[in-house]
């Protein structure tokens, strides 16, 4: 997995765990919903500032978004 794939996987997983829609997460992080969607689909790469905003919106450490998952399951 590339770091972009890791971010996409973790972002989607954490958002789902917290029961948030892409729209709600985008609102909390002050981002556009389509940008969040693109990050989750690995279309765009995120700046470190965006990673921090997403982490804050999810109440996790930025490093949690960049940790390689222990499972080999890839994003669907």
N, C-alpha and C. Protein backbone atom coordinates (compact mmCIF):
# COMPACT_ATOMS: atom_id res chain seq x y z
N UNK A 1 0.84 -1.19 0.00
CA UNK A 1 0.00 0.00 0.00
C UNK A 1 0.88 1.25 0.00
N UNK A 2 0.53 2.19 -0.85
CA UNK A 2 1.22 3.47 -0.83
C UNK A 2 0.66 4.29 0.33
N UNK A 3 1.35 5.35 0.69
CA UNK A 3 0.88 6.20 1.80
C UNK A 3 -0.47 6.83 1.45
N UNK A 4 -0.71 7.13 0.17
CA UNK A 4 -2.02 7.66 -0.24
C UNK A 4 -3.11 6.61 -0.03
N UNK A 5 -2.81 5.36 -0.34
CA UNK A 5 -3.77 4.28 -0.13
C UNK A 5 -4.05 4.07 1.36
N UNK A 6 -3.00 4.19 2.16
CA UNK A 6 -3.15 4.07 3.62
C UNK A 6 -4.07 5.16 4.14
N UNK A 7 -3.82 6.39 3.73
CA UNK A 7 -4.67 7.51 4.16
C UNK A 7 -6.11 7.28 3.72
N UNK A 8 -6.32 6.89 2.49
CA UNK A 8 -7.68 6.65 1.98
C UNK A 8 -8.38 5.57 2.79
N UNK A 9 -7.69 4.47 3.05
CA UNK A 9 -8.26 3.35 3.80
C UNK A 9 -8.62 3.78 5.22
N UNK A 10 -7.66 4.42 5.91
CA UNK A 10 -7.88 4.81 7.30
C UNK A 10 -8.93 5.91 7.44
N UNK A 11 -8.92 6.84 6.52
CA UNK A 11 -9.90 7.93 6.56
C UNK A 11 -11.32 7.37 6.46
N UNK A 12 -11.53 6.51 5.50
CA UNK A 12 -12.86 5.92 5.32
C UNK A 12 -13.25 5.05 6.52
N UNK A 13 -12.30 4.24 7.00
CA UNK A 13 -12.59 3.35 8.13
C UNK A 13 -12.93 4.14 9.38
N UNK A 14 -12.15 5.16 9.69
CA UNK A 14 -12.40 5.97 10.89
C UNK A 14 -13.71 6.73 10.78
N UNK A 15 -13.99 7.24 9.60
CA UNK A 15 -15.25 7.96 9.39
C UNK A 15 -16.44 7.02 9.61
N UNK A 16 -16.34 5.82 9.06
CA UNK A 16 -17.42 4.84 9.24
C UNK A 16 -17.56 4.43 10.71
N UNK A 17 -16.43 4.20 11.39
CA UNK A 17 -16.46 3.82 12.81
C UNK A 17 -17.21 4.86 13.64
N UNK A 18 -17.07 6.12 13.26
CA UNK A 18 -17.69 7.20 14.02
C UNK A 18 -19.09 7.55 13.50
N UNK A 19 -19.52 6.83 12.50
CA UNK A 19 -20.87 7.04 11.97
C UNK A 19 -21.05 8.39 11.29
N UNK A 20 -19.99 8.90 10.70
CA UNK A 20 -20.06 10.20 10.05
C UNK A 20 -20.23 10.05 8.54
N UNK A 21 -21.01 10.93 7.97
CA UNK A 21 -21.10 11.00 6.51
C UNK A 21 -19.89 11.79 6.00
N UNK A 22 -19.63 11.66 4.73
CA UNK A 22 -18.55 12.48 4.15
C UNK A 22 -18.87 13.96 4.32
N UNK A 23 -20.13 14.30 4.18
CA UNK A 23 -20.53 15.69 4.32
C UNK A 23 -20.26 16.22 5.72
N UNK A 24 -20.60 15.44 6.75
CA UNK A 24 -20.37 15.88 8.12
C UNK A 24 -18.88 16.00 8.41
N UNK A 25 -18.10 15.03 7.97
CA UNK A 25 -16.65 15.11 8.18
C UNK A 25 -16.08 16.33 7.46
N UNK A 26 -16.50 16.54 6.24
CA UNK A 26 -16.03 17.70 5.48
C UNK A 26 -16.37 19.00 6.20
N UNK A 27 -17.59 19.08 6.73
CA UNK A 27 -18.01 20.27 7.46
C UNK A 27 -17.11 20.50 8.68
N UNK A 28 -16.87 19.44 9.45
CA UNK A 28 -16.04 19.55 10.65
C UNK A 28 -14.60 19.95 10.32
N UNK A 29 -14.10 19.47 9.17
CA UNK A 29 -12.72 19.75 8.79
C UNK A 29 -12.61 21.00 7.91
N UNK A 30 -13.76 21.62 7.63
CA UNK A 30 -13.82 22.80 6.76
C UNK A 30 -13.22 22.51 5.39
N UNK A 31 -13.69 21.40 4.82
CA UNK A 31 -13.28 20.97 3.49
C UNK A 31 -14.54 20.73 2.66
N UNK A 32 -14.37 20.60 1.37
CA UNK A 32 -15.48 20.27 0.50
C UNK A 32 -15.74 18.77 0.55
N UNK A 33 -17.01 18.37 0.52
CA UNK A 33 -17.35 16.96 0.57
C UNK A 33 -16.74 16.18 -0.59
N UNK A 34 -16.71 16.79 -1.77
CA UNK A 34 -16.15 16.08 -2.92
C UNK A 34 -14.65 15.85 -2.75
N UNK A 35 -13.98 16.73 -2.01
CA UNK A 35 -12.54 16.54 -1.75
C UNK A 35 -12.35 15.36 -0.80
N UNK A 36 -13.18 15.26 0.23
CA UNK A 36 -13.11 14.12 1.16
C UNK A 36 -13.35 12.83 0.38
N UNK A 37 -14.35 12.84 -0.48
CA UNK A 37 -14.64 11.67 -1.31
C UNK A 37 -13.44 11.29 -2.17
N UNK A 38 -12.81 12.28 -2.76
CA UNK A 38 -11.64 12.03 -3.61
C UNK A 38 -10.47 11.48 -2.81
N UNK A 39 -10.30 11.95 -1.59
CA UNK A 39 -9.23 11.41 -0.73
C UNK A 39 -9.51 9.95 -0.40
N UNK A 40 -10.76 9.65 -0.08
CA UNK A 40 -11.12 8.27 0.26
C UNK A 40 -10.99 7.33 -0.93
N UNK A 41 -11.11 7.86 -2.12
CA UNK A 41 -10.99 7.04 -3.33
C UNK A 41 -9.56 7.08 -3.89
N UNK A 42 -8.66 7.75 -3.19
CA UNK A 42 -7.25 7.82 -3.58
C UNK A 42 -7.07 8.56 -4.91
N UNK A 43 -7.91 9.54 -5.16
CA UNK A 43 -7.81 10.35 -6.37
C UNK A 43 -6.81 11.48 -6.16
N UNK A 44 -6.85 12.09 -5.00
CA UNK A 44 -5.95 13.20 -4.66
C UNK A 44 -5.05 12.80 -3.50
N UNK A 45 -3.93 13.50 -3.41
CA UNK A 45 -3.10 13.36 -2.22
C UNK A 45 -3.38 14.58 -1.34
N UNK A 46 -3.22 14.40 -0.05
CA UNK A 46 -3.53 15.47 0.91
C UNK A 46 -2.25 16.10 1.43
N UNK A 47 -2.31 17.39 1.66
CA UNK A 47 -1.19 18.06 2.31
C UNK A 47 -1.18 17.68 3.79
N UNK A 48 -0.09 17.91 4.44
CA UNK A 48 0.02 17.61 5.86
C UNK A 48 -0.98 18.45 6.67
N UNK A 49 -1.27 19.64 6.19
CA UNK A 49 -2.25 20.49 6.87
C UNK A 49 -3.65 19.89 6.77
N UNK A 50 -4.00 19.32 5.63
CA UNK A 50 -5.30 18.67 5.46
C UNK A 50 -5.38 17.42 6.33
N UNK A 51 -4.29 16.65 6.40
CA UNK A 51 -4.27 15.48 7.27
C UNK A 51 -4.55 15.90 8.71
N UNK A 52 -3.94 16.98 9.14
CA UNK A 52 -4.16 17.47 10.50
C UNK A 52 -5.62 17.90 10.71
N UNK A 53 -6.19 18.59 9.74
CA UNK A 53 -7.60 19.03 9.87
C UNK A 53 -8.54 17.83 9.94
N UNK A 54 -8.28 16.82 9.12
CA UNK A 54 -9.11 15.62 9.14
C UNK A 54 -8.97 14.89 10.48
N UNK A 55 -7.74 14.78 10.96
CA UNK A 55 -7.49 14.11 12.24
C UNK A 55 -8.22 14.85 13.36
N UNK A 56 -8.13 16.16 13.38
CA UNK A 56 -8.83 16.94 14.40
C UNK A 56 -10.33 16.74 14.32
N UNK A 57 -10.87 16.69 13.11
CA UNK A 57 -12.30 16.50 12.93
C UNK A 57 -12.74 15.11 13.39
N UNK A 58 -11.83 14.14 13.30
CA UNK A 58 -12.13 12.77 13.73
C UNK A 58 -11.70 12.50 15.18
N UNK A 59 -11.10 13.50 15.81
CA UNK A 59 -10.60 13.36 17.19
C UNK A 59 -9.59 12.23 17.34
N UNK A 60 -8.67 12.16 16.37
CA UNK A 60 -7.59 11.18 16.42
C UNK A 60 -6.28 11.91 16.16
N UNK A 61 -5.17 11.24 16.41
CA UNK A 61 -3.87 11.81 16.06
C UNK A 61 -3.67 11.71 14.56
N UNK A 62 -2.99 12.66 13.99
CA UNK A 62 -2.71 12.63 12.55
C UNK A 62 -2.00 11.33 12.18
N UNK A 63 -1.17 10.84 13.05
CA UNK A 63 -0.44 9.59 12.77
C UNK A 63 -1.40 8.41 12.60
N UNK A 64 -2.58 8.47 13.23
CA UNK A 64 -3.56 7.39 13.08
C UNK A 64 -4.06 7.28 11.64
N UNK A 65 -4.08 8.40 10.94
CA UNK A 65 -4.51 8.38 9.55
C UNK A 65 -3.44 7.82 8.62
N UNK A 66 -2.21 7.79 9.11
CA UNK A 66 -1.09 7.37 8.25
C UNK A 66 -0.49 6.02 8.64
N UNK A 67 -1.05 5.38 9.66
CA UNK A 67 -0.56 4.07 10.09
C UNK A 67 -1.02 3.01 9.12
N UNK A 68 -0.09 2.16 8.73
CA UNK A 68 -0.46 1.05 7.84
C UNK A 68 -1.35 0.08 8.62
N UNK A 69 -2.48 -0.32 8.03
CA UNK A 69 -3.36 -1.26 8.72
C UNK A 69 -2.68 -2.62 8.86
N UNK A 70 -3.00 -3.30 9.95
CA UNK A 70 -2.41 -4.61 10.20
C UNK A 70 -3.01 -5.66 9.28
N UNK A 71 -4.22 -5.40 8.81
CA UNK A 71 -4.88 -6.31 7.90
C UNK A 71 -4.43 -6.02 6.47
N UNK A 72 -4.44 -7.02 5.65
CA UNK A 72 -4.06 -6.84 4.25
C UNK A 72 -5.26 -6.49 3.39
N UNK A 73 -6.43 -6.37 4.03
CA UNK A 73 -7.64 -6.04 3.30
C UNK A 73 -7.50 -4.67 2.65
N UNK A 74 -7.72 -4.60 1.38
CA UNK A 74 -7.64 -3.35 0.66
C UNK A 74 -9.01 -2.68 0.65
N UNK A 75 -9.02 -1.41 0.28
CA UNK A 75 -10.26 -0.67 0.19
C UNK A 75 -11.14 -1.28 -0.88
N UNK A 76 -12.43 -1.21 -0.65
CA UNK A 76 -13.36 -1.70 -1.67
C UNK A 76 -13.84 -0.55 -2.52
